[in-house]
Amino acid sequence: MLNFPKSQEEPPIFWVPRKQNVSQTVCEVIVDLCAAKGIKPSDICVIPFLQNEMLSIEAINLQICQKCVEKAFRPECISDVEYFLTNRKPYEFLFAWALRVKGLEFKVVVMVIDEDQFDYDNVDDRKKVYVICSRCTCMLIVISDDQNRREIALVKYRKNTASVLNLDAIVTWNRHKKMKK
């Protein structure tokens, strides 16, 4: 059984329902976090549960270009972990597979689970969810459909704190942990 998070001091977990176009959902979350909530793109890592041709850096960047008017603000998705760690620009956020970021931490992690990707009875799937969840220090956002939400049931591991994310209602996370600049 997963033991994440272990205390009330650990990052809050929010759920975002996955839309038909998963890249669009990721884009909406990233743009909202950066534009409306003041989170720096460089503090964000998007970690898909499995590789999916519908979810790629190209697709995410295309969706962001369609949403953002000003290039000066436009977050940009990159996938080179080493470059991101050493040369990241303030407008870049990371898109990486779980094993590429194992051992690293990010202030905000967006875990993307597409339909039929997670099987609670599979030990490797549960371990992978743990690895992804444990990468965040301030906030975890899970993008999935309702079936995956019920199967993962992170709510069991953090009673009364996991909720469906209303993108217009995200508040500052200072009560949990101050985001360091």
C-alpha atoms as a PDB file:
ATOM      1  CA  MET A   1       0.000   0.000   0.000  1.00  0.00           C
ATOM      2  CA  LEU A   2       1.253   3.488  -0.858  1.00  0.00           C
ATOM      3  CA  ASN A   3       2.181   5.787   1.984  1.00  0.00           C
ATOM      4  CA  PHE A   4       2.035   9.157   0.284  1.00  0.00           C
ATOM      5  CA  PRO A   5       1.831  11.750   1.696  1.00  0.00           C
ATOM      6  CA  LYS A   6       2.861  10.895   5.226  1.00  0.00           C
ATOM      7  CA  SER A   7       1.705  14.009   7.081  1.00  0.00           C
ATOM      8  CA  GLN A   8      -0.289  17.212   6.798  1.00  0.00           C
ATOM      9  CA  GLU A   9       2.979  19.010   6.093  1.00  0.00           C
ATOM     10  CA  GLU A  10       3.351  17.281   2.759  1.00  0.00           C
ATOM     11  CA  PRO A  11       2.151  18.737  -0.558  1.00  0.00           C
ATOM     12  CA  PRO A  12      -1.549  18.914  -1.338  1.00  0.00           C
ATOM     13  CA  ILE A  13      -2.925  16.708  -4.101  1.00  0.00           C
ATOM     14  CA  PHE A  14      -5.344  18.076  -6.684  1.00  0.00           C
ATOM     15  CA  TRP A  15      -7.249  16.233  -9.399  1.00  0.00           C
ATOM     16  CA  VAL A  16      -8.015  17.582 -12.854  1.00  0.00           C
ATOM     17  CA  PRO A  17     -10.420  15.608 -15.050  1.00  0.00           C
ATOM     18  CA  ARG A  18      -8.738  14.543 -18.283  1.00  0.00           C
ATOM     19  CA  LYS A  19     -10.409  15.948 -21.377  1.00  0.00           C
ATOM     20  CA  GLN A  20     -10.596  14.177 -24.717  1.00  0.00           C
ATOM     21  CA  ASN A  21      -7.398  15.954 -25.779  1.00  0.00           C
ATOM     22  CA  VAL A  22      -4.933  15.271 -22.958  1.00  0.00           C
ATOM     23  CA  SER A  23      -2.393  17.780 -24.336  1.00  0.00           C
ATOM     24  CA  GLN A  24      -5.044  20.480 -24.089  1.00  0.00           C
ATOM     25  CA  THR A  25      -5.712  19.565 -20.462  1.00  0.00           C
ATOM     26  CA  VAL A  26      -1.990  19.736 -19.627  1.00  0.00           C
ATOM     27  CA  CYS A  27      -1.739  23.077 -21.442  1.00  0.00           C
ATOM     28  CA  GLU A  28      -4.683  24.530 -19.509  1.00  0.00           C
ATOM     29  CA  VAL A  29      -3.166  23.455 -16.201  1.00  0.00           C
ATOM     30  CA  ILE A  30       0.283  24.874 -17.055  1.00  0.00           C
ATOM     31  CA  VAL A  31      -1.086  28.177 -18.351  1.00  0.00           C
ATOM     32  CA  ASP A  32      -3.360  28.575 -15.342  1.00  0.00           C
ATOM     33  CA  LEU A  33      -0.610  27.770 -12.846  1.00  0.00           C
ATOM     34  CA  CYS A  34       1.784  30.230 -14.488  1.00  0.00           C
ATOM     35  CA  ALA A  35      -0.529  33.042 -15.601  1.00  0.00           C
ATOM     36  CA  ALA A  36      -3.147  33.112 -12.873  1.00  0.00           C
ATOM     37  CA  LYS A  37      -1.435  31.502  -9.886  1.00  0.00           C
ATOM     38  CA  GLY A  38       2.060  32.954 -10.187  1.00  0.00           C
ATOM     39  CA  ILE A  39       3.986  29.689 -10.329  1.00  0.00           C
ATOM     40  CA  LYS A  40       7.166  29.893 -12.376  1.00  0.00           C
ATOM     41  CA  PRO A  41       7.260  27.464 -15.316  1.00  0.00           C
ATOM     42  CA  SER A  42      10.762  26.386 -14.235  1.00  0.00           C
ATOM     43  CA  ASP A  43       9.231  25.021 -11.002  1.00  0.00           C
ATOM     44  CA  ILE A  44       6.996  22.599 -12.908  1.00  0.00           C
ATOM     45  CA  CYS A  45       7.601  19.057 -14.130  1.00  0.00           C
ATOM     46  CA  VAL A  46       5.011  17.141 -16.157  1.00  0.00           C
ATOM     47  CA  ILE A  47       5.410  13.378 -15.761  1.00  0.00           C
ATOM     48  CA  PRO A  48       3.224  11.119 -17.884  1.00  0.00           C
ATOM     49  CA  PHE A  49       2.482   7.671 -16.484  1.00  0.00           C
ATOM     50  CA  LEU A  50       3.107   5.989 -19.852  1.00  0.00           C
ATOM     51  CA  GLN A  51       4.328   7.146 -23.223  1.00  0.00           C
ATOM     52  CA  ASN A  52       1.446   8.290 -25.363  1.00  0.00           C
ATOM     53  CA  GLU A  53       1.527   9.648 -28.897  1.00  0.00           C
ATOM     54  CA  MET A  54      -1.255  12.091 -27.956  1.00  0.00           C
ATOM     55  CA  LEU A  55       0.936  13.639 -25.256  1.00  0.00           C
ATOM     56  CA  SER A  56       4.201  15.055 -26.545  1.00  0.00           C
ATOM     57  CA  ILE A  57       6.211  18.218 -26.056  1.00  0.00           C
ATOM     58  CA  GLU A  58       5.260  19.301 -29.567  1.00  0.00           C
ATOM     59  CA  ALA A  59       1.544  18.867 -28.873  1.00  0.00           C
ATOM     60  CA  ILE A  60       1.787  20.684 -25.527  1.00  0.00           C
ATOM     61  CA  ASN A  61       3.806  23.575 -26.993  1.00  0.00           C
ATOM     62  CA  LEU A  62       1.329  23.892 -29.874  1.00  0.00           C
ATOM     63  CA  GLN A  63      -1.574  24.101 -27.398  1.00  0.00           C
ATOM     64  CA  ILE A  64       0.315  26.709 -25.349  1.00  0.00           C
ATOM     65  CA  CYS A  65       1.044  28.790 -28.465  1.00  0.00           C
ATOM     66  CA  GLN A  66      -2.664  28.811 -29.272  1.00  0.00           C
ATOM     67  CA  LYS A  67      -3.537  29.945 -25.718  1.00  0.00           C
ATOM     68  CA  CYS A  68      -0.827  32.532 -25.084  1.00  0.00           C
ATOM     69  CA  VAL A  69      -0.739  35.836 -26.887  1.00  0.00           C
ATOM     70  CA  GLU A  70       2.491  37.247 -25.553  1.00  0.00           C
ATOM     71  CA  LYS A  71       5.674  35.365 -26.371  1.00  0.00           C
ATOM     72  CA  ALA A  72       7.406  36.975 -23.389  1.00  0.00           C
ATOM     73  CA  PHE A  73       5.248  34.961 -21.005  1.00  0.00           C
ATOM     74  CA  ARG A  74       4.701  31.789 -23.013  1.00  0.00           C
ATOM     75  CA  PRO A  75       5.816  28.716 -21.043  1.00  0.00           C
ATOM     76  CA  GLU A  76       7.793  26.259 -23.136  1.00  0.00           C
ATOM     77  CA  CYS A  77       7.893  22.507 -22.655  1.00  0.00           C
ATOM     78  CA  ILE A  78      11.286  20.813 -22.941  1.00  0.00           C
ATOM     79  CA  SER A  79      12.286  17.196 -22.422  1.00  0.00           C
ATOM     80  CA  ASP A  80      16.064  17.264 -21.949  1.00  0.00           C
ATOM     81  CA  VAL A  81      16.496  16.681 -18.206  1.00  0.00           C
ATOM     82  CA  GLU A  82      20.215  17.484 -18.115  1.00  0.00           C
ATOM     83  CA  TYR A  83      19.726  20.742 -20.022  1.00  0.00           C
ATOM     84  CA  PHE A  84      16.806  21.667 -17.765  1.00  0.00           C
ATOM     85  CA  LEU A  85      18.860  21.117 -14.620  1.00  0.00           C
ATOM     86  CA  THR A  86      21.866  23.104 -15.804  1.00  0.00           C
ATOM     87  CA  ASN A  87      20.627  25.711 -18.305  1.00  0.00           C
ATOM     88  CA  ARG A  88      16.871  26.132 -17.834  1.00  0.00           C
ATOM     89  CA  LYS A  89      15.299  29.414 -18.664  1.00  0.00           C
ATOM     90  CA  PRO A  90      12.577  30.888 -16.428  1.00  0.00           C
ATOM     91  CA  TYR A  91       9.860  30.196 -19.024  1.00  0.00           C
ATOM     92  CA  GLU A  92      10.753  26.512 -19.531  1.00  0.00           C
ATOM     93  CA  PHE A  93       9.115  23.580 -17.774  1.00  0.00           C
ATOM     94  CA  LEU A  94      10.140  19.944 -17.917  1.00  0.00           C
ATOM     95  CA  PHE A  95       8.310  17.045 -19.521  1.00  0.00           C
ATOM     96  CA  ALA A  96      10.028  13.790 -18.555  1.00  0.00           C
ATOM     97  CA  TRP A  97       9.352  10.126 -17.923  1.00  0.00           C
ATOM     98  CA  ALA A  98       9.350   8.939 -14.321  1.00  0.00           C
ATOM     99  CA  LEU A  99      12.660   7.063 -14.505  1.00  0.00           C
ATOM    100  CA  ARG A 100      14.435  10.125 -15.967  1.00  0.00           C
ATOM    101  CA  VAL A 101      13.555  12.213 -12.899  1.00  0.00           C
ATOM    102  CA  LYS A 102      13.889   9.574 -10.201  1.00  0.00           C
ATOM    103  CA  GLY A 103      15.823  11.128  -7.341  1.00  0.00           C
ATOM    104  CA  LEU A 104      15.011  14.711  -8.429  1.00  0.00           C
ATOM    105  CA  GLU A 105      12.485  17.038  -6.839  1.00  0.00           C
ATOM    106  CA  PHE A 106      10.272  19.742  -8.304  1.00  0.00           C
ATOM    107  CA  LYS A 107       8.033  22.257  -6.587  1.00  0.00           C
ATOM    108  CA  VAL A 108       5.045  21.303  -8.735  1.00  0.00           C
ATOM    109  CA  VAL A 109       4.527  17.915 -10.382  1.00  0.00           C
ATOM    110  CA  VAL A 110       1.767  17.262 -12.886  1.00  0.00           C
ATOM    111  CA  MET A 111       1.169  13.513 -13.180  1.00  0.00           C
ATOM    112  CA  VAL A 112      -0.750  12.552 -16.338  1.00  0.00           C
ATOM    113  CA  ILE A 113      -2.500   9.194 -16.436  1.00  0.00           C
ATOM    114  CA  ASP A 114      -4.403   8.429 -19.601  1.00  0.00           C
ATOM    115  CA  GLU A 115      -7.249   5.938 -19.677  1.00  0.00           C
ATOM    116  CA  ASP A 116      -6.426   2.263 -19.091  1.00  0.00           C
ATOM    117  CA  GLN A 117      -2.817   2.995 -18.106  1.00  0.00           C
ATOM    118  CA  PHE A 118      -2.964   2.275 -14.387  1.00  0.00           C
ATOM    119  CA  ASP A 119      -3.718  -1.100 -12.809  1.00  0.00           C
ATOM    120  CA  TYR A 120      -3.852  -1.023  -9.019  1.00  0.00           C
ATOM    121  CA  ASP A 121      -3.190  -4.774  -8.843  1.00  0.00           C
ATOM    122  CA  ASN A 122       0.113  -4.297 -10.667  1.00  0.00           C
ATOM    123  CA  VAL A 123       2.928  -3.702  -8.146  1.00  0.00           C
ATOM    124  CA  ASP A 124       5.075  -1.931 -10.754  1.00  0.00           C
ATOM    125  CA  ASP A 125       2.243   0.517 -11.495  1.00  0.00           C
ATOM    126  CA  ARG A 126       1.892   1.344  -7.795  1.00  0.00           C
ATOM    127  CA  LYS A 127       5.659   1.844  -7.489  1.00  0.00           C
ATOM    128  CA  LYS A 128       5.655   4.127 -10.513  1.00  0.00           C
ATOM    129  CA  VAL A 129       2.831   6.225  -9.029  1.00  0.00           C
ATOM    130  CA  TYR A 130       4.854   6.514  -5.818  1.00  0.00           C
ATOM    131  CA  VAL A 131       7.984   7.610  -7.715  1.00  0.00           C
ATOM    132  CA  ILE A 132       6.007  10.278  -9.588  1.00  0.00           C
ATOM    133  CA  CYS A 133       4.148  11.494  -6.494  1.00  0.00           C
ATOM    134  CA  SER A 134       7.281  11.724  -4.406  1.00  0.00           C
ATOM    135  CA  ARG A 135       8.979  14.096  -6.899  1.00  0.00           C
ATOM    136  CA  CYS A 136       6.930  17.116  -5.739  1.00  0.00           C
ATOM    137  CA  THR A 137       7.758  19.378  -2.816  1.00  0.00           C
ATOM    138  CA  CYS A 138       4.855  21.866  -2.898  1.00  0.00           C
ATOM    139  CA  MET A 139       1.981  20.572  -5.023  1.00  0.00           C
ATOM    140  CA  LEU A 140       0.899  17.458  -6.915  1.00  0.00           C
ATOM    141  CA  ILE A 141      -1.651  17.728  -9.697  1.00  0.00           C
ATOM    142  CA  VAL A 142      -3.052  14.493 -11.102  1.00  0.00           C
ATOM    143  CA  ILE A 143      -4.686  14.599 -14.528  1.00  0.00           C
ATOM    144  CA  SER A 144      -6.746  11.463 -15.070  1.00  0.00           C
ATOM    145  CA  ASP A 145     -10.218  10.194 -15.750  1.00  0.00           C
ATOM    146  CA  ASP A 146     -12.568   9.206 -12.936  1.00  0.00           C
ATOM    147  CA  GLN A 147     -11.798   5.495 -13.270  1.00  0.00           C
ATOM    148  CA  ASN A 148      -8.069   6.039 -12.708  1.00  0.00           C
ATOM    149  CA  ARG A 149      -8.837   8.446  -9.904  1.00  0.00           C
ATOM    150  CA  ARG A 150     -10.829   5.770  -8.101  1.00  0.00           C
ATOM    151  CA  GLU A 151      -8.203   3.080  -8.744  1.00  0.00           C
ATOM    152  CA  ILE A 152      -5.282   5.129  -7.571  1.00  0.00           C
ATOM    153  CA  ALA A 153      -7.343   6.395  -4.661  1.00  0.00           C
ATOM    154  CA  LEU A 154      -4.668   8.677  -3.300  1.00  0.00           C
ATOM    155  CA  VAL A 155      -7.499  10.076  -1.226  1.00  0.00           C
ATOM    156  CA  LYS A 156      -7.044   7.064   1.058  1.00  0.00           C
ATOM    157  CA  TYR A 157      -3.488   8.107   1.726  1.00  0.00           C
ATOM    158  CA  ARG A 158      -4.268  11.688   2.567  1.00  0.00           C
ATOM    159  CA  LYS A 159      -7.703  11.970   4.063  1.00  0.00           C
ATOM    160  CA  ASN A 160      -9.686  15.155   3.542  1.00  0.00           C
ATOM    161  CA  THR A 161      -7.034  16.925   1.465  1.00  0.00           C
ATOM    162  CA  ALA A 162      -7.269  15.531  -2.048  1.00  0.00           C
ATOM    163  CA  SER A 163      -9.894  17.223  -4.160  1.00  0.00           C
ATOM    164  CA  VAL A 164     -10.862  17.919  -7.718  1.00  0.00           C
ATOM    165  CA  LEU A 165      -8.912  20.931  -8.854  1.00  0.00           C
ATOM    166  CA  ASN A 166     -10.941  23.937  -9.836  1.00  0.00           C
ATOM    167  CA  LEU A 167      -8.427  25.899 -11.878  1.00  0.00           C
ATOM    168  CA  ASP A 168     -10.076  29.162 -10.855  1.00  0.00           C
ATOM    169  CA  ALA A 169      -9.841  28.336  -7.178  1.00  0.00           C
ATOM    170  CA  ILE A 170      -6.194  27.441  -6.611  1.00  0.00           C
ATOM    171  CA  VAL A 171      -4.907  29.372  -3.636  1.00  0.00           C
ATOM    172  CA  THR A 172      -1.376  29.957  -2.472  1.00  0.00           C
ATOM    173  CA  TRP A 173       0.283  26.970  -0.904  1.00  0.00           C
ATOM    174  CA  ASN A 174       2.060  28.852   1.868  1.00  0.00           C
ATOM    175  CA  ARG A 175       0.090  26.994   4.514  1.00  0.00           C
ATOM    176  CA  HIS A 176       1.810  23.776   3.424  1.00  0.00           C
ATOM    177  CA  LYS A 177       5.246  24.900   2.384  1.00  0.00           C
ATOM    178  CA  LYS A 178       6.565  28.194   1.073  1.00  0.00           C
ATOM    179  CA  MET A 179       7.777  28.021  -2.479  1.00  0.00           C
ATOM    180  CA  LYS A 180      11.396  29.103  -2.536  1.00  0.00           C
ATOM    181  CA  LYS A 181      12.539  31.376  -5.304  1.00  0.00           C
END
